[in-house]
């Protein structure tokens, strides 16, 4: 056999990766939805702040001319 124990090492690596992925997603459906909505609210607030900053800069640039 030319591959040696490569197949076994690959299986172990895949099992570790699968366990790590499963551990990362330990939220139930409702908890996941709540977290998703919370993240979306944070992003909307950041976008609103960025839009306000752009508008203020545009207004300041308009007054300079």
N, C-alpha and C. Protein backbone atom coordinates (compact mmCIF):
# COMPACT_ATOMS: atom_id res chain seq x y z
N UNK A 1 0.85 -1.17 0.00
CA UNK A 1 0.00 0.00 0.00
C UNK A 1 0.90 1.24 0.00
N UNK A 2 0.73 2.09 -0.96
CA UNK A 2 1.60 3.25 -1.10
C UNK A 2 1.16 4.41 -0.22
N UNK A 3 -0.08 4.44 0.18
CA UNK A 3 -0.56 5.59 0.95
C UNK A 3 -0.20 5.50 2.42
N UNK A 4 0.15 4.35 2.90
CA UNK A 4 0.51 4.22 4.31
C UNK A 4 -0.68 4.51 5.20
N UNK A 5 -0.47 5.32 6.19
CA UNK A 5 -1.56 5.62 7.13
C UNK A 5 -2.22 6.97 6.82
N UNK A 6 -2.05 7.45 5.63
CA UNK A 6 -2.61 8.75 5.25
C UNK A 6 -4.14 8.74 5.36
N UNK A 7 -4.75 7.64 4.97
CA UNK A 7 -6.21 7.54 5.03
C UNK A 7 -6.70 7.67 6.47
N UNK A 8 -6.01 6.99 7.38
CA UNK A 8 -6.38 7.07 8.80
C UNK A 8 -6.19 8.48 9.34
N UNK A 9 -5.09 9.12 8.98
CA UNK A 9 -4.85 10.49 9.44
C UNK A 9 -5.91 11.44 8.89
N UNK A 10 -6.30 11.25 7.64
CA UNK A 10 -7.33 12.09 7.06
C UNK A 10 -8.67 11.89 7.75
N UNK A 11 -8.99 10.66 8.12
CA UNK A 11 -10.23 10.40 8.85
C UNK A 11 -10.22 11.10 10.20
N UNK A 12 -9.09 11.00 10.92
CA UNK A 12 -8.99 11.66 12.22
C UNK A 12 -9.12 13.17 12.08
N UNK A 13 -8.49 13.72 11.06
CA UNK A 13 -8.57 15.16 10.81
C UNK A 13 -10.01 15.58 10.51
N UNK A 14 -10.70 14.78 9.71
CA UNK A 14 -12.10 15.09 9.38
C UNK A 14 -12.98 15.02 10.62
N UNK A 15 -12.74 14.03 11.48
CA UNK A 15 -13.53 13.92 12.71
C UNK A 15 -13.30 15.11 13.63
N UNK A 16 -12.05 15.55 13.74
CA UNK A 16 -11.76 16.72 14.56
C UNK A 16 -12.45 17.96 14.01
N UNK A 17 -12.39 18.14 12.69
CA UNK A 17 -13.02 19.30 12.07
C UNK A 17 -14.53 19.27 12.26
N UNK A 18 -15.12 18.10 12.13
CA UNK A 18 -16.56 17.96 12.31
C UNK A 18 -16.97 18.26 13.75
N UNK A 19 -16.18 17.78 14.71
CA UNK A 19 -16.46 18.05 16.11
C UNK A 19 -16.34 19.53 16.42
N UNK A 20 -15.34 20.16 15.85
CA UNK A 20 -15.15 21.60 16.06
C UNK A 20 -16.31 22.39 15.48
N UNK A 21 -16.76 22.02 14.29
CA UNK A 21 -17.87 22.70 13.65
C UNK A 21 -19.15 22.52 14.45
N UNK A 22 -19.38 21.31 14.94
CA UNK A 22 -20.58 21.04 15.70
C UNK A 22 -20.58 21.80 17.02
N UNK A 23 -19.42 21.93 17.65
CA UNK A 23 -19.32 22.66 18.91
C UNK A 23 -19.57 24.15 18.70
N UNK A 24 -19.23 24.67 17.53
CA UNK A 24 -19.40 26.09 17.26
C UNK A 24 -20.87 26.45 17.11
N UNK A 25 -21.70 25.54 16.65
CA UNK A 25 -23.11 25.83 16.41
C UNK A 25 -23.94 25.09 17.46
N UNK A 26 -24.01 25.66 18.65
CA UNK A 26 -24.75 25.01 19.72
C UNK A 26 -26.00 25.80 20.12
N UNK A 27 -26.50 26.64 19.23
CA UNK A 27 -27.69 27.41 19.51
C UNK A 27 -28.93 26.66 19.01
N UNK A 28 -30.01 26.78 19.77
CA UNK A 28 -31.26 26.19 19.30
C UNK A 28 -31.84 27.10 18.22
N UNK A 29 -32.92 26.69 17.63
CA UNK A 29 -33.52 27.47 16.55
C UNK A 29 -33.93 28.87 16.97
N UNK A 30 -34.59 28.97 18.13
CA UNK A 30 -35.04 30.29 18.58
C UNK A 30 -33.87 31.15 19.03
N UNK A 31 -32.87 30.53 19.66
CA UNK A 31 -31.69 31.30 20.07
C UNK A 31 -30.94 31.80 18.85
N UNK A 32 -30.83 30.96 17.84
CA UNK A 32 -30.15 31.36 16.60
C UNK A 32 -30.89 32.51 15.94
N UNK A 33 -32.22 32.44 15.89
CA UNK A 33 -33.01 33.50 15.28
C UNK A 33 -32.86 34.81 16.06
N UNK A 34 -32.86 34.72 17.39
CA UNK A 34 -32.70 35.91 18.22
C UNK A 34 -31.32 36.53 18.00
N UNK A 35 -30.29 35.71 17.94
CA UNK A 35 -28.94 36.20 17.70
C UNK A 35 -28.84 36.84 16.32
N UNK A 36 -29.48 36.22 15.34
CA UNK A 36 -29.46 36.75 13.97
C UNK A 36 -30.14 38.12 13.92
N UNK A 37 -31.27 38.26 14.59
CA UNK A 37 -31.98 39.54 14.62
C UNK A 37 -31.17 40.60 15.36
N UNK A 38 -30.50 40.20 16.44
CA UNK A 38 -29.67 41.13 17.19
C UNK A 38 -28.51 41.63 16.34
N UNK A 39 -27.87 40.72 15.63
CA UNK A 39 -26.77 41.11 14.74
C UNK A 39 -27.27 42.03 13.63
N UNK A 40 -28.45 41.76 13.11
CA UNK A 40 -29.01 42.60 12.05
C UNK A 40 -29.31 44.01 12.58
N UNK A 41 -29.81 44.10 13.81
CA UNK A 41 -30.08 45.41 14.41
C UNK A 41 -28.79 46.20 14.60
N UNK A 42 -27.75 45.53 15.03
CA UNK A 42 -26.46 46.19 15.20
C UNK A 42 -25.95 46.71 13.86
N UNK A 43 -26.06 45.90 12.82
CA UNK A 43 -25.59 46.31 11.51
C UNK A 43 -26.43 47.47 10.95
N UNK A 44 -27.74 47.45 11.20
CA UNK A 44 -28.58 48.58 10.76
C UNK A 44 -28.18 49.86 11.47
N UNK A 45 -27.85 49.78 12.76
CA UNK A 45 -27.42 50.97 13.51
C UNK A 45 -26.09 51.49 12.95
N UNK A 46 -25.17 50.60 12.65
CA UNK A 46 -23.89 51.01 12.08
C UNK A 46 -24.09 51.66 10.72
N UNK A 47 -24.99 51.10 9.90
CA UNK A 47 -25.24 51.66 8.59
C UNK A 47 -25.89 53.04 8.70
N UNK A 48 -26.80 53.20 9.64
CA UNK A 48 -27.44 54.50 9.84
C UNK A 48 -26.40 55.54 10.28
N UNK A 49 -25.49 55.14 11.15
CA UNK A 49 -24.44 56.06 11.59
C UNK A 49 -23.53 56.44 10.43
N UNK A 50 -23.20 55.48 9.59
CA UNK A 50 -22.35 55.76 8.42
C UNK A 50 -23.07 56.68 7.44
N UNK A 51 -24.36 56.45 7.23
CA UNK A 51 -25.13 57.31 6.33
C UNK A 51 -25.21 58.74 6.87
N UNK A 52 -25.40 58.87 8.19
CA UNK A 52 -25.46 60.20 8.80
C UNK A 52 -24.11 60.91 8.65
N UNK A 53 -23.03 60.18 8.83
CA UNK A 53 -21.70 60.77 8.69
C UNK A 53 -21.46 61.23 7.25
N UNK A 54 -21.88 60.42 6.29
CA UNK A 54 -21.72 60.80 4.88
C UNK A 54 -22.55 62.03 4.56
N UNK A 55 -23.77 62.08 5.10
CA UNK A 55 -24.62 63.25 4.85
C UNK A 55 -24.02 64.51 5.46
N UNK A 56 -23.45 64.39 6.65
CA UNK A 56 -22.84 65.54 7.31
C UNK A 56 -21.62 66.01 6.52
N UNK A 57 -20.83 65.08 6.03
CA UNK A 57 -19.66 65.45 5.23
C UNK A 57 -20.08 66.10 3.93
N UNK A 58 -21.15 65.59 3.32
CA UNK A 58 -21.63 66.18 2.07
C UNK A 58 -22.17 67.58 2.31
N UNK A 59 -22.85 67.77 3.43
CA UNK A 59 -23.37 69.10 3.75
C UNK A 59 -22.23 70.07 4.02
N UNK A 60 -21.20 69.61 4.72
CA UNK A 60 -20.05 70.46 5.02
C UNK A 60 -19.30 70.80 3.73
N UNK A 61 -19.21 69.85 2.83
CA UNK A 61 -18.53 70.11 1.56
C UNK A 61 -19.34 71.09 0.71
N UNK A 62 -20.67 71.00 0.80
CA UNK A 62 -21.52 71.92 0.05
C UNK A 62 -21.44 73.34 0.55
N UNK A 63 -21.24 73.54 1.85
CA UNK A 63 -21.14 74.87 2.44
C UNK A 63 -19.81 75.53 2.10
N UNK A 64 -18.75 74.73 1.89
CA UNK A 64 -17.44 75.28 1.59
C UNK A 64 -17.39 75.93 0.22
N UNK A 65 -18.19 75.44 -0.71
CA UNK A 65 -18.15 75.96 -2.10
C UNK A 65 -18.84 77.26 -2.22
